[in-house]
Protein backbone atom coordinates (compact mmCIF):
# COMPACT_ATOMS: atom_id res chain seq x y z
CA MET A 1 0.00 0.00 0.00
CA ASN A 2 1.15 3.46 -0.68
CA ARG A 3 1.21 6.37 1.72
CA ARG A 4 -2.06 7.84 0.46
CA GLN A 5 -3.96 4.58 1.05
CA TRP A 6 -2.57 4.32 4.60
CA LEU A 7 -3.64 7.90 5.26
CA ILE A 8 -7.17 7.24 4.00
CA ILE A 9 -7.47 4.04 6.05
CA SER A 10 -6.15 5.83 9.14
CA LEU A 11 -8.60 8.70 8.68
CA ILE A 12 -11.57 6.35 8.24
CA SER A 13 -10.49 4.37 11.31
CA LEU A 14 -10.24 7.54 13.37
CA LEU A 15 -13.69 8.69 12.25
CA ALA A 16 -15.16 5.27 13.10
CA LEU A 17 -13.54 5.38 16.54
CA LEU A 18 -14.92 8.85 17.24
CA ALA A 19 -18.39 7.81 16.04
CA GLY A 20 -18.26 4.81 18.38
CA VAL A 21 -17.20 6.88 21.36
CA PHE A 22 -19.89 9.52 20.86
CA SER A 23 -22.67 7.05 20.06
CA SER A 24 -21.84 4.90 23.09
CA GLN A 25 -22.40 7.92 25.32
CA TRP A 26 -25.80 8.49 23.70
CA ILE A 27 -26.82 4.81 23.69
CA SER A 28 -26.02 4.17 27.35
CA LYS A 29 -27.71 7.34 28.58
CA VAL A 30 -30.50 6.77 31.06
CA GLY A 31 -32.70 9.22 32.84
CA LEU A 32 -34.51 9.36 36.12
CA ALA A 33 -38.10 8.26 36.18
CA SER A 34 -40.84 10.85 36.32
CA ASP A 35 -43.21 10.97 39.28
CA PRO A 36 -46.11 9.55 37.19
CA ALA A 37 -43.90 6.62 36.10
CA VAL A 38 -43.04 5.85 39.73
CA LYS A 39 -46.75 6.01 40.64
CA ALA A 40 -47.51 3.62 37.77
CA PHE A 41 -44.81 1.29 39.10
CA PHE A 42 -46.46 1.18 42.53
CA ALA A 43 -49.92 0.79 40.94
CA ASN A 44 -48.83 -2.25 38.94
CA SER A 45 -50.15 -5.61 40.10
CA TRP A 46 -47.15 -7.82 40.83
CA GLN A 47 -46.95 -11.56 41.31
CA THR A 48 -44.28 -13.85 42.67
CA PRO A 49 -42.94 -16.64 40.44
CA ASP A 50 -45.36 -18.94 42.31
CA GLY A 51 -48.34 -16.80 41.26
CA LYS A 52 -49.01 -15.13 44.61
CA SER A 53 -50.06 -11.49 44.54
CA VAL A 54 -47.70 -8.89 45.97
CA ASN A 55 -49.03 -5.70 47.48
CA SER A 56 -46.65 -2.97 46.30
CA ALA A 57 -48.23 -0.57 48.80
CA ASP A 58 -46.04 -2.40 51.34
CA TRP A 59 -43.01 -1.05 49.44
CA GLN A 60 -44.02 2.59 49.81
CA GLY A 61 -42.22 4.61 52.46
CA LYS A 62 -39.07 2.51 52.00
CA ILE A 63 -35.96 3.17 50.00
CA LEU A 64 -36.64 0.85 47.12
CA VAL A 65 -33.86 -0.57 44.95
CA VAL A 66 -35.58 -1.99 41.88
CA ASN A 67 -33.48 -4.29 39.72
CA PHE A 68 -34.77 -5.40 36.33
CA TRP A 69 -33.08 -8.68 35.39
CA ALA A 70 -33.46 -11.95 33.48
CA SER A 71 -32.11 -15.44 34.07
CA TRP A 72 -30.61 -15.47 30.56
CA CYS A 73 -28.65 -12.23 31.19
CA PRO A 74 -25.10 -12.98 32.48
CA PRO A 75 -24.46 -9.50 34.02
CA CYS A 76 -27.85 -9.72 35.77
CA VAL A 77 -26.97 -13.06 37.33
CA GLU A 78 -23.47 -11.84 38.26
CA GLU A 79 -24.82 -8.90 40.27
CA MET A 80 -27.40 -10.91 42.24
CA PRO A 81 -25.00 -11.91 45.06
CA THR A 82 -24.16 -8.22 45.52
CA LEU A 83 -27.85 -7.29 45.66
CA ASP A 84 -28.43 -10.08 48.17
CA LEU A 85 -25.53 -8.90 50.35
CA LEU A 86 -26.72 -5.29 50.28
CA GLN A 87 -30.29 -6.32 51.12
CA LYS A 88 -28.97 -7.99 54.26
CA ASP A 89 -26.69 -5.03 55.09
CA PHE A 90 -29.40 -2.39 54.72
CA LEU A 91 -32.45 -4.34 55.90
CA GLN A 92 -32.58 -2.52 59.25
CA GLN A 93 -32.39 0.87 57.50
CA ASN A 94 -35.74 0.67 55.69
CA VAL A 95 -34.16 -0.41 52.38
CA LEU A 96 -35.82 -3.03 50.22
CA ILE A 97 -34.38 -4.55 47.07
CA VAL A 98 -36.92 -5.93 44.61
CA GLY A 99 -35.99 -7.98 41.57
CA ILE A 100 -38.28 -7.64 38.56
CA GLY A 101 -37.79 -10.72 36.40
CA ILE A 102 -38.13 -10.08 32.68
CA ASP A 103 -38.74 -13.72 31.95
CA SER A 104 -41.46 -16.34 32.19
CA PRO A 105 -42.59 -17.46 35.67
CA SER A 106 -41.40 -21.02 34.96
CA ASN A 107 -37.91 -19.87 33.92
CA ILE A 108 -37.65 -17.69 37.02
CA ARG A 109 -38.85 -20.50 39.32
CA GLU A 110 -36.30 -22.87 37.77
CA PHE A 111 -33.51 -20.29 38.10
CA LEU A 112 -34.33 -19.55 41.74
CA LYS A 113 -34.00 -23.24 42.62
CA SER A 114 -30.24 -22.93 42.14
CA THR A 115 -29.83 -19.24 43.03
CA SER A 116 -31.57 -18.17 46.20
CA VAL A 117 -31.83 -14.51 47.18
CA SER A 118 -33.13 -12.84 50.33
CA TYR A 119 -34.98 -10.09 48.50
CA PRO A 120 -38.37 -10.43 46.79
CA ILE A 121 -38.53 -11.41 43.14
CA VAL A 122 -41.64 -10.56 41.14
CA ILE A 123 -42.62 -11.28 37.56
CA GLY A 124 -42.30 -8.44 35.10
CA GLY A 125 -42.63 -10.42 31.89
CA LEU A 126 -42.72 -8.44 28.66
CA GLU A 127 -44.67 -5.65 30.35
CA GLY A 128 -41.79 -5.32 32.81
CA SER A 129 -39.52 -4.30 29.96
CA ASN A 130 -41.95 -1.52 29.02
CA LEU A 131 -42.12 -0.47 32.64
CA SER A 132 -38.33 -0.26 32.88
CA LYS A 133 -38.40 2.05 29.85
CA GLN A 134 -40.97 4.26 31.57
CA LEU A 135 -38.66 4.32 34.59
CA GLY A 136 -35.78 5.76 32.55
CA ASN A 137 -34.28 2.75 30.77
CA THR A 138 -34.45 4.29 27.30
CA GLN A 139 -32.61 1.35 25.71
CA GLY A 140 -34.69 -1.39 27.34
CA ALA A 141 -31.49 -3.31 28.11
CA LEU A 142 -30.68 -5.38 31.19
CA PRO A 143 -29.74 -5.20 33.96
CA TYR A 144 -31.31 -1.92 34.95
CA THR A 145 -31.39 -0.64 38.53
CA ILE A 146 -33.34 2.30 39.88
CA ILE A 147 -33.56 3.67 43.41
CA ILE A 148 -36.79 5.25 44.62
CA ASN A 149 -36.48 7.15 47.89
CA SER A 150 -38.90 6.87 50.80
CA LYS A 151 -40.92 9.80 49.41
CA GLY A 152 -41.55 7.97 46.14
CA LYS A 153 -39.08 9.94 44.02
CA ALA A 154 -36.54 8.34 41.67
CA VAL A 155 -33.07 9.40 42.80
CA PHE A 156 -30.69 7.07 40.95
CA SER A 157 -30.60 4.81 37.91
CA LYS A 158 -27.98 2.62 36.28
CA LEU A 159 -28.06 0.67 33.05
CA GLY A 160 -25.72 -2.30 33.12
CA LYS A 161 -24.07 -4.30 35.86
CA ILE A 162 -23.72 -2.30 39.04
CA SER A 163 -20.82 -2.66 41.44
CA GLU A 164 -21.21 -3.10 45.17
CA GLU A 165 -19.43 0.20 45.86
CA GLU A 166 -21.58 2.13 43.40
CA LEU A 167 -24.84 0.72 44.74
CA ARG A 168 -23.79 1.07 48.37
CA LYS A 169 -22.96 4.74 47.76
CA ALA A 170 -26.28 5.36 45.96
CA ILE A 171 -28.26 3.73 48.78
CA LYS A 172 -26.43 5.76 51.43
CA THR A 173 -27.16 8.95 49.46
CA ALA A 174 -30.86 8.01 49.41
CA LEU A 175 -30.99 7.32 53.18
């Protein structure tokens, strides 16, 4: 290759790199949920994987860490031990972690046989994905975590796997 061809290839590569960097910032952007979206979340009728109804009114007045996940999502599964640990650490401080499974009840039941957690898991199904979008997950990707403070206001959201330090800090800020 001559010098001109190398220059053209280098320029195209640089432009592609810049496009990737700027688009990744746009793609991974999430927002905080609006007050009506949070109200809709609490108004939703939730069920456990065993089909029992869950009264989300019991969640109000708590700092609620809502984690949208699926059994087929490796980062979701990887962060579950961290969520379980933090649920135990913050239980006495009015913090409740709730997992919203974006999966079928049978898949979630099967998954929970081998992976037990101390926080409640409810079924979101396909509607759960739409709800996560209403709560600020513009991409609809998983995992997605949102914190709702004790006054019912969204104060934090994260698309992608969350670290223990990051979530611990966000919970402490919401306390």
